[in-house]
Amino acid sequence: MINIIRKIAPWISIICLVVIIGYSILVFRGVQSKETYIMWTNIATVVWFVFSPFWLIKGNKKEQA
């Protein structure tokens, strides 16, 4: 199970970053409201922080002598 999460975690994190940047651009262009931007940015940030440890923190590998 943990191996599956480690494989999909980078993709989920990238999608979250795209959502944050995408909504920032849409608010800047005047297409989206600021309240919608804040809601989706908060959701994407929480999801990113949940999944980022799975691919940012590597386990210690024991050296074989």
PDB file of N, CA and C in Angstrom:
ATOM      1  N   MET A   1       0.822  -1.203   0.000  1.00  0.00           N
ATOM      2  CA  MET A   1       0.000   0.000   0.000  1.00  0.00           C
ATOM      3  C   MET A   1       0.859   1.256   0.000  1.00  0.00           C
ATOM      4  N   ILE A   2       1.898   1.240   0.828  1.00  0.00           N
ATOM      5  CA  ILE A   2       2.761   2.420   0.931  1.00  0.00           C
ATOM      6  C   ILE A   2       3.521   2.652  -0.379  1.00  0.00           C
ATOM      7  N   ASN A   3       3.838   1.573  -1.099  1.00  0.00           N
ATOM      8  CA  ASN A   3       4.534   1.727  -2.376  1.00  0.00           C
ATOM      9  C   ASN A   3       3.640   2.393  -3.423  1.00  0.00           C
ATOM     10  N   ILE A   4       2.350   2.074  -3.388  1.00  0.00           N
ATOM     11  CA  ILE A   4       1.414   2.703  -4.319  1.00  0.00           C
ATOM     12  C   ILE A   4       1.311   4.195  -4.021  1.00  0.00           C
ATOM     13  N   ILE A   5       1.225   4.530  -2.738  1.00  0.00           N
ATOM     14  CA  ILE A   5       1.143   5.936  -2.347  1.00  0.00           C
ATOM     15  C   ILE A   5       2.413   6.678  -2.754  1.00  0.00           C
ATOM     16  N   ARG A   6       3.558   6.038  -2.591  1.00  0.00           N
ATOM     17  CA  ARG A   6       4.826   6.679  -2.982  1.00  0.00           C
ATOM     18  C   ARG A   6       4.898   6.921  -4.493  1.00  0.00           C
ATOM     19  N   LYS A   7       4.232   6.099  -5.274  1.00  0.00           N
ATOM     20  CA  LYS A   7       4.250   6.276  -6.727  1.00  0.00           C
ATOM     21  C   LYS A   7       3.282   7.359  -7.200  1.00  0.00           C
ATOM     22  N   ILE A   8       2.123   7.485  -6.538  1.00  0.00           N
ATOM     23  CA  ILE A   8       1.148   8.482  -6.986  1.00  0.00           C
ATOM     24  C   ILE A   8       1.290   9.826  -6.279  1.00  0.00           C
ATOM     25  N   ALA A   9       2.011   9.872  -5.177  1.00  0.00           N
ATOM     26  CA  ALA A   9       2.147  11.114  -4.405  1.00  0.00           C
ATOM     27  C   ALA A   9       2.768  12.263  -5.212  1.00  0.00           C
ATOM     28  N   PRO A  10       3.819  12.039  -6.000  1.00  0.00           N
ATOM     29  CA  PRO A  10       4.348  13.163  -6.794  1.00  0.00           C
ATOM     30  C   PRO A  10       3.332  13.717  -7.781  1.00  0.00           C
ATOM     31  N   TRP A  11       2.529  12.857  -8.382  1.00  0.00           N
ATOM     32  CA  TRP A  11       1.529  13.314  -9.349  1.00  0.00           C
ATOM     33  C   TRP A  11       0.428  14.118  -8.671  1.00  0.00           C
ATOM     34  N   ILE A  12       0.004  13.663  -7.506  1.00  0.00           N
ATOM     35  CA  ILE A  12      -1.007  14.406  -6.761  1.00  0.00           C
ATOM     36  C   ILE A  12      -0.465  15.765  -6.345  1.00  0.00           C
ATOM     37  N   SER A  13       0.785  15.816  -5.926  1.00  0.00           N
ATOM     38  CA  SER A  13       1.400  17.084  -5.534  1.00  0.00           C
ATOM     39  C   SER A  13       1.512  18.040  -6.717  1.00  0.00           C
ATOM     40  N   ILE A  14       1.876  17.519  -7.865  1.00  0.00           N
ATOM     41  CA  ILE A  14       1.979  18.361  -9.062  1.00  0.00           C
ATOM     42  C   ILE A  14       0.601  18.903  -9.455  1.00  0.00           C
ATOM     43  N   ILE A  15      -0.423  18.064  -9.381  1.00  0.00           N
ATOM     44  CA  ILE A  15      -1.779  18.521  -9.689  1.00  0.00           C
ATOM     45  C   ILE A  15      -2.199  19.627  -8.729  1.00  0.00           C
ATOM     46  N   CYS A  16      -1.876  19.470  -7.453  1.00  0.00           N
ATOM     47  CA  CYS A  16      -2.220  20.505  -6.473  1.00  0.00           C
ATOM     48  C   CYS A  16      -1.504  21.819  -6.778  1.00  0.00           C
ATOM     49  N   LEU A  17      -0.254  21.757  -7.152  1.00  0.00           N
ATOM     50  CA  LEU A  17       0.470  22.978  -7.497  1.00  0.00           C
ATOM     51  C   LEU A  17      -0.104  23.628  -8.755  1.00  0.00           C
ATOM     52  N   VAL A  18      -0.537  22.821  -9.713  1.00  0.00           N
ATOM     53  CA  VAL A  18      -1.168  23.359 -10.917  1.00  0.00           C
ATOM     54  C   VAL A  18      -2.488  24.039 -10.572  1.00  0.00           C
ATOM     55  N   VAL A  19      -3.249  23.462  -9.644  1.00  0.00           N
ATOM     56  CA  VAL A  19      -4.510  24.075  -9.211  1.00  0.00           C
ATOM     57  C   VAL A  19      -4.241  25.424  -8.565  1.00  0.00           C
ATOM     58  N   ILE A  20      -3.244  25.489  -7.704  1.00  0.00           N
ATOM     59  CA  ILE A  20      -2.913  26.751  -7.025  1.00  0.00           C
ATOM     60  C   ILE A  20      -2.501  27.814  -8.042  1.00  0.00           C
ATOM     61  N   ILE A  21      -1.606  27.460  -8.940  1.00  0.00           N
ATOM     62  CA  ILE A  21      -1.133  28.424  -9.938  1.00  0.00           C
ATOM     63  C   ILE A  21      -2.243  28.777 -10.925  1.00  0.00           C
ATOM     64  N   GLY A  22      -3.022  27.769 -11.334  1.00  0.00           N
ATOM     65  CA  GLY A  22      -4.107  28.008 -12.277  1.00  0.00           C
ATOM     66  C   GLY A  22      -5.157  28.964 -11.732  1.00  0.00           C
ATOM     67  N   TYR A  23      -5.577  28.749 -10.502  1.00  0.00           N
ATOM     68  CA  TYR A  23      -6.562  29.661  -9.916  1.00  0.00           C
ATOM     69  C   TYR A  23      -5.977  31.043  -9.676  1.00  0.00           C
ATOM     70  N   SER A  24      -4.691  31.121  -9.381  1.00  0.00           N
ATOM     71  CA  SER A  24      -4.053  32.440  -9.242  1.00  0.00           C
ATOM     72  C   SER A  24      -4.131  33.217 -10.551  1.00  0.00           C
ATOM     73  N   ILE A  25      -3.875  32.542 -11.644  1.00  0.00           N
ATOM     74  CA  ILE A  25      -3.943  33.190 -12.959  1.00  0.00           C
ATOM     75  C   ILE A  25      -5.372  33.596 -13.289  1.00  0.00           C
ATOM     76  N   LEU A  26      -6.333  32.715 -12.975  1.00  0.00           N
ATOM     77  CA  LEU A  26      -7.734  33.032 -13.261  1.00  0.00           C
ATOM     78  C   LEU A  26      -8.227  34.232 -12.450  1.00  0.00           C
ATOM     79  N   VAL A  27      -7.793  34.343 -11.202  1.00  0.00           N
ATOM     80  CA  VAL A  27      -8.178  35.504 -10.388  1.00  0.00           C
ATOM     81  C   VAL A  27      -7.522  36.760 -10.938  1.00  0.00           C
ATOM     82  N   PHE A  28      -6.271  36.653 -11.341  1.00  0.00           N
ATOM     83  CA  PHE A  28      -5.556  37.799 -11.895  1.00  0.00           C
ATOM     84  C   PHE A  28      -6.232  38.302 -13.165  1.00  0.00           C
ATOM     85  N   ARG A  29      -6.743  37.389 -13.986  1.00  0.00           N
ATOM     86  CA  ARG A  29      -7.422  37.772 -15.232  1.00  0.00           C
ATOM     87  C   ARG A  29      -8.856  38.217 -14.989  1.00  0.00           C
ATOM     88  N   GLY A  30      -9.388  37.987 -13.795  1.00  0.00           N
ATOM     89  CA  GLY A  30     -10.739  38.406 -13.472  1.00  0.00           C
ATOM     90  C   GLY A  30     -11.807  37.393 -13.815  1.00  0.00           C
ATOM     91  N   VAL A  31     -11.426  36.163 -14.082  1.00  0.00           N
ATOM     92  CA  VAL A  31     -12.375  35.121 -14.463  1.00  0.00           C
ATOM     93  C   VAL A  31     -13.024  34.494 -13.223  1.00  0.00           C
ATOM     94  N   GLN A  32     -12.242  34.293 -12.168  1.00  0.00           N
ATOM     95  CA  GLN A  32     -12.731  33.675 -10.937  1.00  0.00           C
ATOM     96  C   GLN A  32     -12.801  34.701  -9.817  1.00  0.00           C
ATOM     97  N   SER A  33     -13.677  34.423  -8.851  1.00  0.00           N
ATOM     98  CA  SER A  33     -13.765  35.305  -7.692  1.00  0.00           C
ATOM     99  C   SER A  33     -12.658  34.956  -6.695  1.00  0.00           C
ATOM    100  N   LYS A  34     -12.355  35.896  -5.837  1.00  0.00           N
ATOM    101  CA  LYS A  34     -11.294  35.689  -4.864  1.00  0.00           C
ATOM    102  C   LYS A  34     -11.695  34.631  -3.833  1.00  0.00           C
ATOM    103  N   GLU A  35     -12.981  34.536  -3.505  1.00  0.00           N
ATOM    104  CA  GLU A  35     -13.439  33.531  -2.541  1.00  0.00           C
ATOM    105  C   GLU A  35     -13.226  32.118  -3.071  1.00  0.00           C
ATOM    106  N   THR A  36     -13.500  31.903  -4.362  1.00  0.00           N
ATOM    107  CA  THR A  36     -13.272  30.599  -4.976  1.00  0.00           C
ATOM    108  C   THR A  36     -11.783  30.273  -4.979  1.00  0.00           C
ATOM    109  N   TYR A  37     -10.972  31.263  -5.287  1.00  0.00           N
ATOM    110  CA  TYR A  37      -9.524  31.077  -5.275  1.00  0.00           C
ATOM    111  C   TYR A  37      -9.039  30.656  -3.892  1.00  0.00           C
ATOM    112  N   ILE A  38      -9.524  31.312  -2.858  1.00  0.00           N
ATOM    113  CA  ILE A  38      -9.085  30.997  -1.499  1.00  0.00           C
ATOM    114  C   ILE A  38      -9.509  29.582  -1.120  1.00  0.00           C
ATOM    115  N   MET A  39     -10.730  29.190  -1.470  1.00  0.00           N
ATOM    116  CA  MET A  39     -11.208  27.858  -1.144  1.00  0.00           C
ATOM    117  C   MET A  39     -10.356  26.779  -1.820  1.00  0.00           C
ATOM    118  N   TRP A  40     -10.150  26.897  -3.135  1.00  0.00           N
ATOM    119  CA  TRP A  40      -9.389  25.876  -3.861  1.00  0.00           C
ATOM    120  C   TRP A  40      -7.912  25.894  -3.491  1.00  0.00           C
ATOM    121  N   THR A  41      -7.371  27.048  -3.174  1.00  0.00           N
ATOM    122  CA  THR A  41      -5.984  27.117  -2.741  1.00  0.00           C
ATOM    123  C   THR A  41      -5.803  26.432  -1.395  1.00  0.00           C
ATOM    124  N   ASN A  42      -6.737  26.629  -0.489  1.00  0.00           N
ATOM    125  CA  ASN A  42      -6.656  25.954   0.810  1.00  0.00           C
ATOM    126  C   ASN A  42      -6.769  24.445   0.669  1.00  0.00           C
ATOM    127  N   ILE A  43      -7.698  23.982  -0.149  1.00  0.00           N
ATOM    128  CA  ILE A  43      -7.853  22.538  -0.359  1.00  0.00           C
ATOM    129  C   ILE A  43      -6.598  21.948  -0.992  1.00  0.00           C
ATOM    130  N   ALA A  44      -6.086  22.584  -2.038  1.00  0.00           N
ATOM    131  CA  ALA A  44      -4.890  22.071  -2.730  1.00  0.00           C
ATOM    132  C   ALA A  44      -3.668  22.110  -1.825  1.00  0.00           C
ATOM    133  N   THR A  45      -3.561  23.124  -0.975  1.00  0.00           N
ATOM    134  CA  THR A  45      -2.421  23.214  -0.057  1.00  0.00           C
ATOM    135  C   THR A  45      -2.461  22.097   0.972  1.00  0.00           C
ATOM    136  N   VAL A  46      -3.625  21.821   1.527  1.00  0.00           N
ATOM    137  CA  VAL A  46      -3.743  20.736   2.508  1.00  0.00           C
ATOM    138  C   VAL A  46      -3.421  19.394   1.865  1.00  0.00           C
ATOM    139  N   VAL A  47      -3.949  19.151   0.685  1.00  0.00           N
ATOM    140  CA  VAL A  47      -3.667  17.882  -0.009  1.00  0.00           C
ATOM    141  C   VAL A  47      -2.180  17.775  -0.322  1.00  0.00           C
ATOM    142  N   TRP A  48      -1.554  18.877  -0.737  1.00  0.00           N
ATOM    143  CA  TRP A  48      -0.122  18.847  -1.043  1.00  0.00           C
ATOM    144  C   TRP A  48       0.687  18.508   0.207  1.00  0.00           C
ATOM    145  N   PHE A  49       0.332  19.124   1.334  1.00  0.00           N
ATOM    146  CA  PHE A  49       1.065  18.842   2.575  1.00  0.00           C
ATOM    147  C   PHE A  49       0.823  17.423   3.077  1.00  0.00           C
ATOM    148  N   VAL A  50      -0.305  16.838   2.761  1.00  0.00           N
ATOM    149  CA  VAL A  50      -0.570  15.456   3.168  1.00  0.00           C
ATOM    150  C   VAL A  50       0.267  14.477   2.344  1.00  0.00           C
ATOM    151  N   PHE A  51       0.381  14.716   1.048  1.00  0.00           N
ATOM    152  CA  PHE A  51       1.066  13.764   0.175  1.00  0.00           C
ATOM    153  C   PHE A  51       2.554  14.050  -0.031  1.00  0.00           C
ATOM    154  N   SER A  52       3.025  15.238   0.256  1.00  0.00           N
ATOM    155  CA  SER A  52       4.426  15.561  -0.006  1.00  0.00           C
ATOM    156  C   SER A  52       5.429  14.748   0.814  1.00  0.00           C
ATOM    157  N   PRO A  53       5.158  14.378   2.069  1.00  0.00           N
ATOM    158  CA  PRO A  53       6.162  13.574   2.786  1.00  0.00           C
ATOM    159  C   PRO A  53       6.454  12.230   2.144  1.00  0.00           C
ATOM    160  N   PHE A  54       5.496  11.676   1.416  1.00  0.00           N
ATOM    161  CA  PHE A  54       5.701  10.359   0.818  1.00  0.00           C
ATOM    162  C   PHE A  54       6.744  10.370  -0.292  1.00  0.00           C
ATOM    163  N   TRP A  55       6.961  11.510  -0.922  1.00  0.00           N
ATOM    164  CA  TRP A  55       7.972  11.524  -1.981  1.00  0.00           C
ATOM    165  C   TRP A  55       9.118  12.471  -1.668  1.00  0.00           C
ATOM    166  N   LEU A  56       8.974  13.350  -0.685  1.00  0.00           N
ATOM    167  CA  LEU A  56      10.077  14.239  -0.329  1.00  0.00           C
ATOM    168  C   LEU A  56      11.015  13.627   0.707  1.00  0.00           C
ATOM    169  N   ILE A  57      10.488  12.803   1.603  1.00  0.00           N
ATOM    170  CA  ILE A  57      11.292  12.189   2.652  1.00  0.00           C
ATOM    171  C   ILE A  57      11.625  10.768   2.233  1.00  0.00           C
ATOM    172  N   LYS A  58      12.891  10.517   2.080  1.00  0.00           N
ATOM    173  CA  LYS A  58      13.336   9.182   1.686  1.00  0.00           C
ATOM    174  C   LYS A  58      13.723   8.400   2.931  1.00  0.00           C
ATOM    175  N   GLY A  59      13.442   7.128   2.930  1.00  0.00           N
ATOM    176  CA  GLY A  59      13.813   6.264   4.043  1.00  0.00           C
ATOM    177  C   GLY A  59      15.304   6.017   4.088  1.00  0.00           C
ATOM    178  N   ASN A  60      15.805   5.723   5.265  1.00  0.00           N
ATOM    179  CA  ASN A  60      17.229   5.414   5.411  1.00  0.00           C
ATOM    180  C   ASN A  60      17.501   4.018   4.876  1.00  0.00           C
ATOM    181  N   LYS A  61      18.499   3.936   4.036  1.00  0.00           N
ATOM    182  CA  LYS A  61      18.896   2.634   3.514  1.00  0.00           C
ATOM    183  C   LYS A  61      20.116   2.166   4.299  1.00  0.00           C
ATOM    184  N   LYS A  62      20.048   0.952   4.798  1.00  0.00           N
ATOM    185  CA  LYS A  62      21.158   0.402   5.560  1.00  0.00           C
ATOM    186  C   LYS A  62      22.285   0.010   4.589  1.00  0.00           C
ATOM    187  N   GLU A  63      23.458   0.425   4.987  1.00  0.00           N
ATOM    188  CA  GLU A  63      24.621   0.067   4.152  1.00  0.00           C
ATOM    189  C   GLU A  63      24.987  -1.377   4.404  1.00  0.00           C
ATOM    190  N   GLN A  64      25.221  -2.092   3.317  1.00  0.00           N
ATOM    191  CA  GLN A  64      25.617  -3.488   3.454  1.00  0.00           C
ATOM    192  C   GLN A  64      27.124  -3.578   3.352  1.00  0.00           C
ATOM    193  N   ALA A  65      27.730  -4.240   4.341  1.00  0.00           N
ATOM    194  CA  ALA A  65      29.187  -4.354   4.381  1.00  0.00           C
ATOM    195  C   ALA A  65      29.661  -5.643   3.778  1.00  0.00           C
TER     196      ALA A  65
END
